[in-house]
């Protein structure tokens, strides 16, 4: 997915929010905005939004000399989600359709996205959970996911954010875990989940977890590690969580389910849905890729 002009104000907002979160020094706020404005002036709009976001946050980290600006917030969101885990797991277990309930809750967890909104309250999360359980949803697509997961040999689950990764665990536990490898980011970027967050969520105890070797807030294949790319090619089913993964993988020919909440007008427009809608869609691969041939990077 390319970058749209409407993404540029979002980049500036994100940069300023990150700067203000890190320091009260207005001179640093101004310097960060100046640097980001220069970056956006020279950006390639044919690249995905996460490609630009990666460069912006690299700039911010270097200027602030802080390798993981969002670490405390990520830990807080992990702890909040873990406090909810037993209650949500009970809802799934007692549901008439546990997989569908788990998908709904996984999408609810996608609200924990500090790239879209700098502050997520406990109340925001609670309201989103309640709404996710009652909103209209594509039941047929959930059943197709069930069938495809049962028939797959090798499933990659591309995680999105910290905190949200606990909601992902609820869904993963409804799928054939012996086939699943969860993928997190190789190093910190915004509030995206890393191996530290996967451990905190308890995922390393139930499935294999690897990182993609990248610090992009999505999955930009060109800059991922060789190990991850080998696993990506090998997998016959990909489950990709969140907007960043949709932005970076929606043009890739591979069997991919995208699971997200459409939180911004650009994404909603690309998906052809209203802002705020829960999304579970399957991208159908071309026949030659279904036969296991190498993907184009």
C-alpha atoms as a PDB file:
ATOM      1  CA  UNK A   1       0.000   0.000   0.000  1.00  0.00           C
ATOM      2  CA  UNK A   2       1.389   3.409  -0.948  1.00  0.00           C
ATOM      3  CA  UNK A   3       1.573   6.483   1.277  1.00  0.00           C
ATOM      4  CA  UNK A   4      -1.202   9.040   0.799  1.00  0.00           C
ATOM      5  CA  UNK A   5      -0.928  12.797   1.346  1.00  0.00           C
ATOM      6  CA  UNK A   6      -3.298  12.442   4.310  1.00  0.00           C
ATOM      7  CA  UNK A   7      -0.597  10.340   6.017  1.00  0.00           C
ATOM      8  CA  UNK A   8       1.800  13.281   6.258  1.00  0.00           C
ATOM      9  CA  UNK A   9      -0.068  15.246   8.972  1.00  0.00           C
ATOM     10  CA  UNK A  10      -0.285  11.970  10.894  1.00  0.00           C
ATOM     11  CA  UNK A  11       3.511  11.573  10.728  1.00  0.00           C
ATOM     12  CA  UNK A  12       3.954  15.079  12.144  1.00  0.00           C
ATOM     13  CA  UNK A  13       1.393  14.483  14.914  1.00  0.00           C
ATOM     14  CA  UNK A  14       3.049  11.204  15.837  1.00  0.00           C
ATOM     15  CA  UNK A  15       6.493  12.826  15.983  1.00  0.00           C
ATOM     16  CA  UNK A  16       5.323  15.717  18.155  1.00  0.00           C
ATOM     17  CA  UNK A  17       3.471  13.399  20.533  1.00  0.00           C
ATOM     18  CA  UNK A  18       6.568  11.225  20.891  1.00  0.00           C
ATOM     19  CA  UNK A  19       8.742  14.282  21.546  1.00  0.00           C
ATOM     20  CA  UNK A  20       6.363  15.663  24.185  1.00  0.00           C
ATOM     21  CA  UNK A  21       6.133  12.270  25.858  1.00  0.00           C
ATOM     22  CA  UNK A  22       9.917  12.135  26.158  1.00  0.00           C
ATOM     23  CA  UNK A  23      10.732  15.678  27.276  1.00  0.00           C
ATOM     24  CA  UNK A  24       9.286  19.074  28.180  1.00  0.00           C
ATOM     25  CA  UNK A  25      12.117  20.809  26.323  1.00  0.00           C
ATOM     26  CA  UNK A  26      10.388  22.805  23.574  1.00  0.00           C
ATOM     27  CA  UNK A  27      13.650  23.305  21.696  1.00  0.00           C
ATOM     28  CA  UNK A  28      13.831  19.528  21.209  1.00  0.00           C
ATOM     29  CA  UNK A  29      10.182  19.460  20.090  1.00  0.00           C
ATOM     30  CA  UNK A  30      11.027  22.064  17.437  1.00  0.00           C
ATOM     31  CA  UNK A  31      14.149  20.206  16.322  1.00  0.00           C
ATOM     32  CA  UNK A  32      12.267  16.939  15.930  1.00  0.00           C
ATOM     33  CA  UNK A  33       9.520  18.612  13.899  1.00  0.00           C
ATOM     34  CA  UNK A  34      12.077  20.321  11.662  1.00  0.00           C
ATOM     35  CA  UNK A  35      13.873  17.022  11.054  1.00  0.00           C
ATOM     36  CA  UNK A  36      10.605  15.214  10.322  1.00  0.00           C
ATOM     37  CA  UNK A  37       9.498  17.954   7.924  1.00  0.00           C
ATOM     38  CA  UNK A  38      12.757  17.499   6.001  1.00  0.00           C
ATOM     39  CA  UNK A  39      12.189  13.734   5.888  1.00  0.00           C
ATOM     40  CA  UNK A  40       8.644  14.123   4.597  1.00  0.00           C
ATOM     41  CA  UNK A  41       9.794  16.571   1.921  1.00  0.00           C
ATOM     42  CA  UNK A  42      12.012  13.880   0.422  1.00  0.00           C
ATOM     43  CA  UNK A  43       9.808  10.842   1.048  1.00  0.00           C
ATOM     44  CA  UNK A  44       8.826   8.377  -1.654  1.00  0.00           C
ATOM     45  CA  UNK A  45       5.020   8.217  -1.670  1.00  0.00           C
ATOM     46  CA  UNK A  46       5.156   4.877  -3.463  1.00  0.00           C
ATOM     47  CA  UNK A  47       6.517   3.317  -0.268  1.00  0.00           C
ATOM     48  CA  UNK A  48       4.194   2.182   2.515  1.00  0.00           C
ATOM     49  CA  UNK A  49       3.476   4.480   5.505  1.00  0.00           C
ATOM     50  CA  UNK A  50       5.482   2.239   7.898  1.00  0.00           C
ATOM     51  CA  UNK A  51       8.607   2.821   5.793  1.00  0.00           C
ATOM     52  CA  UNK A  52       8.395   6.532   6.540  1.00  0.00           C
ATOM     53  CA  UNK A  53       7.348   5.978  10.159  1.00  0.00           C
ATOM     54  CA  UNK A  54      10.451   3.833  10.639  1.00  0.00           C
ATOM     55  CA  UNK A  55      12.737   6.625   9.441  1.00  0.00           C
ATOM     56  CA  UNK A  56      10.950   9.188  11.598  1.00  0.00           C
ATOM     57  CA  UNK A  57      11.230   7.139  14.764  1.00  0.00           C
ATOM     58  CA  UNK A  58      14.862   6.302  14.066  1.00  0.00           C
ATOM     59  CA  UNK A  59      15.470  10.062  13.923  1.00  0.00           C
ATOM     60  CA  UNK A  60      13.564  10.634  17.177  1.00  0.00           C
ATOM     61  CA  UNK A  61      15.393   7.838  19.016  1.00  0.00           C
ATOM     62  CA  UNK A  62      18.782   9.173  17.947  1.00  0.00           C
ATOM     63  CA  UNK A  63      17.978  12.753  18.928  1.00  0.00           C
ATOM     64  CA  UNK A  64      16.539  11.745  22.306  1.00  0.00           C
ATOM     65  CA  UNK A  65      19.163   9.019  22.866  1.00  0.00           C
ATOM     66  CA  UNK A  66      16.371   6.659  23.904  1.00  0.00           C
ATOM     67  CA  UNK A  67      16.236   3.243  22.227  1.00  0.00           C
ATOM     68  CA  UNK A  68      12.760   2.342  23.516  1.00  0.00           C
ATOM     69  CA  UNK A  69      10.763   5.482  24.149  1.00  0.00           C
ATOM     70  CA  UNK A  70       7.480   3.614  24.670  1.00  0.00           C
ATOM     71  CA  UNK A  71       8.797   0.851  26.965  1.00  0.00           C
ATOM     72  CA  UNK A  72       6.947   1.930  30.109  1.00  0.00           C
ATOM     73  CA  UNK A  73       3.663   2.279  28.200  1.00  0.00           C
ATOM     74  CA  UNK A  74       4.142  -1.127  26.607  1.00  0.00           C
ATOM     75  CA  UNK A  75       4.669  -2.713  30.002  1.00  0.00           C
ATOM     76  CA  UNK A  76       1.562  -0.992  31.378  1.00  0.00           C
ATOM     77  CA  UNK A  77      -0.561  -2.216  28.479  1.00  0.00           C
ATOM     78  CA  UNK A  78       0.791  -5.760  28.859  1.00  0.00           C
ATOM     79  CA  UNK A  79      -0.106  -5.723  32.552  1.00  0.00           C
ATOM     80  CA  UNK A  80      -3.588  -4.353  31.851  1.00  0.00           C
ATOM     81  CA  UNK A  81      -4.277  -6.989  29.201  1.00  0.00           C
ATOM     82  CA  UNK A  82      -2.994  -9.759  31.457  1.00  0.00           C
ATOM     83  CA  UNK A  83      -5.378  -8.633  34.206  1.00  0.00           C
ATOM     84  CA  UNK A  84      -8.217  -9.045  31.700  1.00  0.00           C
ATOM     85  CA  UNK A  85      -6.989 -12.388  30.386  1.00  0.00           C
ATOM     86  CA  UNK A  86      -8.913 -14.750  32.696  1.00  0.00           C
ATOM     87  CA  UNK A  87     -12.195 -12.881  32.203  1.00  0.00           C
ATOM     88  CA  UNK A  88     -11.809 -12.813  28.426  1.00  0.00           C
ATOM     89  CA  UNK A  89     -10.714 -16.440  28.251  1.00  0.00           C
ATOM     90  CA  UNK A  90     -13.876 -17.349  30.159  1.00  0.00           C
ATOM     91  CA  UNK A  91     -16.002 -15.419  27.642  1.00  0.00           C
ATOM     92  CA  UNK A  92     -14.399 -17.411  24.833  1.00  0.00           C
ATOM     93  CA  UNK A  93     -14.746 -20.764  26.615  1.00  0.00           C
ATOM     94  CA  UNK A  94     -18.437 -20.182  27.339  1.00  0.00           C
ATOM     95  CA  UNK A  95     -19.224 -18.785  23.901  1.00  0.00           C
ATOM     96  CA  UNK A  96     -21.385 -20.623  21.377  1.00  0.00           C
ATOM     97  CA  UNK A  97     -18.608 -19.987  18.842  1.00  0.00           C
ATOM     98  CA  UNK A  98     -15.259 -19.718  20.673  1.00  0.00           C
ATOM     99  CA  UNK A  99     -13.179 -18.987  17.558  1.00  0.00           C
ATOM    100  CA  UNK A 100     -15.435 -16.151  16.480  1.00  0.00           C
ATOM    101  CA  UNK A 101     -15.380 -14.638  19.978  1.00  0.00           C
ATOM    102  CA  UNK A 102     -11.586 -14.949  20.045  1.00  0.00           C
ATOM    103  CA  UNK A 103     -11.295 -13.172  16.670  1.00  0.00           C
ATOM    104  CA  UNK A 104     -13.572 -10.399  17.892  1.00  0.00           C
ATOM    105  CA  UNK A 105     -11.458  -9.925  21.023  1.00  0.00           C
ATOM    106  CA  UNK A 106      -8.210 -10.009  19.032  1.00  0.00           C
ATOM    107  CA  UNK A 107      -9.571  -7.176  16.901  1.00  0.00           C
ATOM    108  CA  UNK A 108     -10.612  -5.299  20.046  1.00  0.00           C
ATOM    109  CA  UNK A 109      -6.989  -5.509  21.204  1.00  0.00           C
ATOM    110  CA  UNK A 110      -5.930  -3.680  18.050  1.00  0.00           C
ATOM    111  CA  UNK A 111      -7.176  -0.451  19.669  1.00  0.00           C
ATOM    112  CA  UNK A 112      -3.864  -0.426  21.620  1.00  0.00           C
ATOM    113  CA  UNK A 113      -2.010   1.432  18.867  1.00  0.00           C
ATOM    114  CA  UNK A 114       0.065   4.416  19.960  1.00  0.00           C
ATOM    115  CA  UNK A 115       0.930   5.237  16.358  1.00  0.00           C
ATOM    116  CA  UNK A 116      -2.711   6.193  15.796  1.00  0.00           C
ATOM    117  CA  UNK A 117      -3.597   7.577  19.217  1.00  0.00           C
ATOM    118  CA  UNK A 118      -0.993   8.681  21.743  1.00  0.00           C
ATOM    119  CA  UNK A 119      -3.060   7.854  24.820  1.00  0.00           C
ATOM    120  CA  UNK A 120      -5.198   4.735  25.298  1.00  0.00           C
ATOM    121  CA  UNK A 121      -7.141   4.649  28.567  1.00  0.00           C
ATOM    122  CA  UNK A 122      -8.373   1.577  30.405  1.00  0.00           C
ATOM    123  CA  UNK A 123     -11.878   2.828  29.677  1.00  0.00           C
ATOM    124  CA  UNK A 124     -11.133   3.001  25.930  1.00  0.00           C
ATOM    125  CA  UNK A 125     -10.073  -0.635  25.990  1.00  0.00           C
ATOM    126  CA  UNK A 126     -13.070  -1.746  28.064  1.00  0.00           C
ATOM    127  CA  UNK A 127     -15.538   0.025  25.764  1.00  0.00           C
ATOM    128  CA  UNK A 128     -13.877  -1.448  22.679  1.00  0.00           C
ATOM    129  CA  UNK A 129     -14.069  -4.965  24.123  1.00  0.00           C
ATOM    130  CA  UNK A 130     -17.783  -4.643  24.858  1.00  0.00           C
ATOM    131  CA  UNK A 131     -18.497  -3.194  21.427  1.00  0.00           C
ATOM    132  CA  UNK A 132     -16.469  -5.890  19.672  1.00  0.00           C
ATOM    133  CA  UNK A 133     -18.654  -8.637  21.133  1.00  0.00           C
ATOM    134  CA  UNK A 134     -21.874  -7.220  19.702  1.00  0.00           C
ATOM    135  CA  UNK A 135     -20.925  -5.565  16.381  1.00  0.00           C
ATOM    136  CA  UNK A 136     -22.017  -7.203  13.105  1.00  0.00           C
ATOM    137  CA  UNK A 137     -19.257  -9.411  11.765  1.00  0.00           C
ATOM    138  CA  UNK A 138     -18.332 -11.643   8.827  1.00  0.00           C
ATOM    139  CA  UNK A 139     -19.165 -15.071  10.298  1.00  0.00           C
ATOM    140  CA  UNK A 140     -18.386 -16.887   7.034  1.00  0.00           C
ATOM    141  CA  UNK A 141     -14.834 -15.511   7.008  1.00  0.00           C
ATOM    142  CA  UNK A 142     -14.241 -16.820  10.538  1.00  0.00           C
ATOM    143  CA  UNK A 143     -15.292 -20.286   9.403  1.00  0.00           C
ATOM    144  CA  UNK A 144     -12.972 -20.016   6.400  1.00  0.00           C
ATOM    145  CA  UNK A 145     -10.132 -19.106   8.752  1.00  0.00           C
ATOM    146  CA  UNK A 146     -10.932 -22.190  10.829  1.00  0.00           C
ATOM    147  CA  UNK A 147     -10.814 -24.422   7.740  1.00  0.00           C
ATOM    148  CA  UNK A 148      -7.610 -22.884   6.402  1.00  0.00           C
ATOM    149  CA  UNK A 149      -5.876 -23.129   9.789  1.00  0.00           C
ATOM    150  CA  UNK A 150      -6.867 -26.792  10.119  1.00  0.00           C
ATOM    151  CA  UNK A 151      -5.556 -27.542   6.621  1.00  0.00           C
ATOM    152  CA  UNK A 152      -2.350 -25.494   6.856  1.00  0.00           C
ATOM    153  CA  UNK A 153       1.006 -27.105   7.519  1.00  0.00           C
ATOM    154  CA  UNK A 154       2.880 -23.997   8.697  1.00  0.00           C
ATOM    155  CA  UNK A 155       1.202 -20.831  10.061  1.00  0.00           C
ATOM    156  CA  UNK A 156       2.939 -17.522  10.742  1.00  0.00           C
ATOM    157  CA  UNK A 157       1.086 -15.147  13.074  1.00  0.00           C
ATOM    158  CA  UNK A 158       2.482 -11.619  12.656  1.00  0.00           C
ATOM    159  CA  UNK A 159       1.888  -9.766  15.907  1.00  0.00           C
ATOM    160  CA  UNK A 160       1.288  -6.036  16.137  1.00  0.00           C
ATOM    161  CA  UNK A 161       1.459  -4.174  19.454  1.00  0.00           C
ATOM    162  CA  UNK A 162       2.307  -4.751  23.102  1.00  0.00           C
ATOM    163  CA  UNK A 163      -0.794  -5.306  25.228  1.00  0.00           C
ATOM    164  CA  UNK A 164      -2.614  -6.340  22.074  1.00  0.00           C
ATOM    165  CA  UNK A 165      -0.361  -9.395  21.981  1.00  0.00           C
ATOM    166  CA  UNK A 166      -2.229 -10.783  25.016  1.00  0.00           C
ATOM    167  CA  UNK A 167      -5.472 -10.548  23.012  1.00  0.00           C
ATOM    168  CA  UNK A 168      -3.642 -12.349  20.193  1.00  0.00           C
ATOM    169  CA  UNK A 169      -2.822 -15.155  22.613  1.00  0.00           C
ATOM    170  CA  UNK A 170      -6.553 -15.665  23.200  1.00  0.00           C
ATOM    171  CA  UNK A 171      -7.027 -16.195  19.461  1.00  0.00           C
ATOM    172  CA  UNK A 172      -3.912 -18.306  18.993  1.00  0.00           C
ATOM    173  CA  UNK A 173      -5.119 -20.682  21.711  1.00  0.00           C
ATOM    174  CA  UNK A 174      -8.223 -21.369  19.568  1.00  0.00           C
ATOM    175  CA  UNK A 175      -6.048 -22.363  16.583  1.00  0.00           C
ATOM    176  CA  UNK A 176      -3.743 -25.394  16.096  1.00  0.00           C
ATOM    177  CA  UNK A 177      -0.848 -24.053  18.197  1.00  0.00           C
ATOM    178  CA  UNK A 178       1.528 -26.828  17.123  1.00  0.00           C
ATOM    179  CA  UNK A 179       1.555 -25.293  13.609  1.00  0.00           C
ATOM    180  CA  UNK A 180       1.954 -21.655  14.664  1.00  0.00           C
ATOM    181  CA  UNK A 181       5.022 -19.467  14.867  1.00  0.00           C
ATOM    182  CA  UNK A 182       4.422 -15.963  16.219  1.00  0.00           C
ATOM    183  CA  UNK A 183       6.541 -13.150  14.798  1.00  0.00           C
ATOM    184  CA  UNK A 184       7.439  -9.985  16.724  1.00  0.00           C
ATOM    185  CA  UNK A 185       9.630  -7.012  15.805  1.00  0.00           C
ATOM    186  CA  UNK A 186      13.389  -7.340  15.927  1.00  0.00           C
ATOM    187  CA  UNK A 187      13.882  -4.142  17.932  1.00  0.00           C
ATOM    188  CA  UNK A 188      11.670  -1.442  19.479  1.00  0.00           C
ATOM    189  CA  UNK A 189       9.495   0.761  17.288  1.00  0.00           C
ATOM    190  CA  UNK A 190       6.600   2.783  18.769  1.00  0.00           C
ATOM    191  CA  UNK A 191       4.609   0.289  20.910  1.00  0.00           C
ATOM    192  CA  UNK A 192       5.045  -2.678  18.578  1.00  0.00           C
ATOM    193  CA  UNK A 193       5.569  -6.008  20.330  1.00  0.00           C
ATOM    194  CA  UNK A 194       9.099  -7.385  20.689  1.00  0.00           C
ATOM    195  CA  UNK A 195      10.326 -10.660  22.206  1.00  0.00           C
ATOM    196  CA  UNK A 196      10.122  -9.076  25.671  1.00  0.00           C
ATOM    197  CA  UNK A 197       6.389  -8.513  25.169  1.00  0.00           C
ATOM    198  CA  UNK A 198       5.846 -12.032  23.806  1.00  0.00           C
ATOM    199  CA  UNK A 199       7.413 -13.421  26.976  1.00  0.00           C
ATOM    200  CA  UNK A 200       5.302 -11.126  29.156  1.00  0.00           C
ATOM    201  CA  UNK A 201       2.143 -12.307  27.372  1.00  0.00           C
ATOM    202  CA  UNK A 202       3.043 -15.957  27.972  1.00  0.00           C
ATOM    203  CA  UNK A 203       3.237 -16.715  24.254  1.00  0.00           C
ATOM    204  CA  UNK A 204       6.708 -18.249  24.417  1.00  0.00           C
ATOM    205  CA  UNK A 205       5.259 -20.967  26.657  1.00  0.00           C
ATOM    206  CA  UNK A 206       2.668 -22.145  24.114  1.00  0.00           C
ATOM    207  CA  UNK A 207       4.090 -21.488  20.619  1.00  0.00           C
ATOM    208  CA  UNK A 208       7.373 -20.854  18.871  1.00  0.00           C
ATOM    209  CA  UNK A 209       8.199 -17.128  18.733  1.00  0.00           C
ATOM    210  CA  UNK A 210      10.743 -15.478  16.436  1.00  0.00           C
ATOM    211  CA  UNK A 211      11.510 -11.890  15.482  1.00  0.00           C
ATOM    212  CA  UNK A 212      11.599 -10.460  11.973  1.00  0.00           C
ATOM    213  CA  UNK A 213      14.926  -8.666  12.386  1.00  0.00           C
ATOM    214  CA  UNK A 214      13.347  -5.294  11.624  1.00  0.00           C
ATOM    215  CA  UNK A 215      12.398  -2.111  13.458  1.00  0.00           C
ATOM    216  CA  UNK A 216       9.579  -1.092  11.088  1.00  0.00           C
ATOM    217  CA  UNK A 217       6.013  -0.725  12.425  1.00  0.00           C
ATOM    218  CA  UNK A 218       4.805  -3.340   9.956  1.00  0.00           C
ATOM    219  CA  UNK A 219       6.474  -6.063   7.896  1.00  0.00           C
ATOM    220  CA  UNK A 220       8.659  -4.536   5.181  1.00  0.00           C
ATOM    221  CA  UNK A 221      10.054  -7.698   3.614  1.00  0.00           C
ATOM    222  CA  UNK A 222      13.048  -5.969   2.009  1.00  0.00           C
ATOM    223  CA  UNK A 223      14.542  -5.129   5.418  1.00  0.00           C
ATOM    224  CA  UNK A 224      13.586  -8.262   7.355  1.00  0.00           C
ATOM    225  CA  UNK A 225      16.129 -10.921   8.340  1.00  0.00           C
ATOM    226  CA  UNK A 226      16.979 -13.867   6.104  1.00  0.00           C
ATOM    227  CA  UNK A 227      15.684 -16.229   8.788  1.00  0.00           C
ATOM    228  CA  UNK A 228      12.289 -14.539   8.821  1.00  0.00           C
ATOM    229  CA  UNK A 229      12.095 -14.359   5.015  1.00  0.00           C
ATOM    230  CA  UNK A 230      12.783 -18.083   4.818  1.00  0.00           C
ATOM    231  CA  UNK A 231       9.933 -18.758   7.243  1.00  0.00           C
ATOM    232  CA  UNK A 232       7.646 -16.348   5.385  1.00  0.00           C
ATOM    233  CA  UNK A 233       8.241 -18.150   2.094  1.00  0.00           C
ATOM    234  CA  UNK A 234       7.769 -21.518   3.725  1.00  0.00           C
ATOM    235  CA  UNK A 235       4.497 -20.719   5.501  1.00  0.00           C
ATOM    236  CA  UNK A 236       1.334 -21.698   3.677  1.00  0.00           C
ATOM    237  CA  UNK A 237      -0.853 -19.450   5.840  1.00  0.00           C
ATOM    238  CA  UNK A 238      -0.104 -15.981   7.247  1.00  0.00           C
ATOM    239  CA  UNK A 239      -2.257 -14.265   9.877  1.00  0.00           C
ATOM    240  CA  UNK A 240      -1.287 -10.580   9.952  1.00  0.00           C
ATOM    241  CA  UNK A 241      -2.459  -8.358  12.782  1.00  0.00           C
ATOM    242  CA  UNK A 242      -2.959  -4.611  12.641  1.00  0.00           C
ATOM    243  CA  UNK A 243      -2.823  -1.682  10.255  1.00  0.00           C
ATOM    244  CA  UNK A 244       0.958  -1.680   9.838  1.00  0.00           C
ATOM    245  CA  UNK A 245       0.971  -5.256   8.571  1.00  0.00           C
ATOM    246  CA  UNK A 246      -1.912  -4.468   6.231  1.00  0.00           C
ATOM    247  CA  UNK A 247      -0.089  -1.401   4.878  1.00  0.00           C
ATOM    248  CA  UNK A 248       3.095  -3.362   4.184  1.00  0.00           C
ATOM    249  CA  UNK A 249       1.719  -6.726   3.021  1.00  0.00           C
ATOM    250  CA  UNK A 250      -1.555  -5.994   1.234  1.00  0.00           C
ATOM    251  CA  UNK A 251       0.225  -6.125  -2.162  1.00  0.00           C
ATOM    252  CA  UNK A 252       2.155  -9.349  -1.443  1.00  0.00           C
ATOM    253  CA  UNK A 253       1.015 -12.502  -3.241  1.00  0.00           C
ATOM    254  CA  UNK A 254       0.572 -14.924  -0.366  1.00  0.00           C
ATOM    255  CA  UNK A 255      -2.283 -16.570   1.538  1.00  0.00           C
ATOM    256  CA  UNK A 256      -2.832 -13.894   4.196  1.00  0.00           C
ATOM    257  CA  UNK A 257      -5.632 -13.148   6.626  1.00  0.00           C
ATOM    258  CA  UNK A 258      -5.590  -9.532   7.786  1.00  0.00           C
ATOM    259  CA  UNK A 259      -7.122  -8.926  11.203  1.00  0.00           C
ATOM    260  CA  UNK A 260      -7.500  -5.322  12.346  1.00  0.00           C
ATOM    261  CA  UNK A 261      -9.677  -2.436  13.334  1.00  0.00           C
ATOM    262  CA  UNK A 262      -9.821   0.246  10.624  1.00  0.00           C
ATOM    263  CA  UNK A 263      -8.723   3.152  12.797  1.00  0.00           C
ATOM    264  CA  UNK A 264      -7.955   5.862  10.230  1.00  0.00           C
ATOM    265  CA  UNK A 265      -9.687   7.197   7.099  1.00  0.00           C
ATOM    266  CA  UNK A 266      -6.830   6.181   4.777  1.00  0.00           C
ATOM    267  CA  UNK A 267      -6.960   2.527   5.827  1.00  0.00           C
ATOM    268  CA  UNK A 268     -10.757   2.498   5.876  1.00  0.00           C
ATOM    269  CA  UNK A 269     -10.858   3.925   2.349  1.00  0.00           C
ATOM    270  CA  UNK A 270      -8.373   1.359   1.066  1.00  0.00           C
ATOM    271  CA  UNK A 271     -10.431  -1.433   2.635  1.00  0.00           C
ATOM    272  CA  UNK A 272     -13.732   0.070   1.494  1.00  0.00           C
ATOM    273  CA  UNK A 273     -15.223   0.160   4.979  1.00  0.00           C
ATOM    274  CA  UNK A 274     -16.197   2.777   7.600  1.00  0.00           C
ATOM    275  CA  UNK A 275     -13.653   4.028  10.131  1.00  0.00           C
ATOM    276  CA  UNK A 276     -13.869   1.896  13.261  1.00  0.00           C
ATOM    277  CA  UNK A 277     -15.065  -1.275  11.550  1.00  0.00           C
ATOM    278  CA  UNK A 278     -13.718  -4.661  12.635  1.00  0.00           C
ATOM    279  CA  UNK A 279     -11.949  -6.305   9.722  1.00  0.00           C
ATOM    280  CA  UNK A 280     -11.147  -9.930   8.935  1.00  0.00           C
ATOM    281  CA  UNK A 281     -10.292 -10.365   5.265  1.00  0.00           C
ATOM    282  CA  UNK A 282      -8.441 -12.983   3.270  1.00  0.00           C
ATOM    283  CA  UNK A 283      -6.081 -12.068   0.453  1.00  0.00           C
ATOM    284  CA  UNK A 284      -6.138 -14.916  -2.049  1.00  0.00           C
ATOM    285  CA  UNK A 285      -2.772 -15.866  -3.472  1.00  0.00           C
ATOM    286  CA  UNK A 286      -2.032 -16.506  -7.120  1.00  0.00           C
ATOM    287  CA  UNK A 287      -1.837 -20.163  -8.154  1.00  0.00           C
ATOM    288  CA  UNK A 288       1.929 -20.216  -8.595  1.00  0.00           C
ATOM    289  CA  UNK A 289       2.475 -18.921  -5.056  1.00  0.00           C
ATOM    290  CA  UNK A 290      -0.010 -21.424  -3.659  1.00  0.00           C
ATOM    291  CA  UNK A 291       2.230 -24.048  -5.252  1.00  0.00           C
ATOM    292  CA  UNK A 292       5.091 -22.843  -3.061  1.00  0.00           C
ATOM    293  CA  UNK A 293       7.183 -20.788  -5.464  1.00  0.00           C
ATOM    294  CA  UNK A 294       9.291 -17.938  -4.140  1.00  0.00           C
ATOM    295  CA  UNK A 295       7.582 -14.637  -3.424  1.00  0.00           C
ATOM    296  CA  UNK A 296       8.804 -11.445  -5.022  1.00  0.00           C
ATOM    297  CA  UNK A 297      10.406  -9.000  -2.616  1.00  0.00           C
END
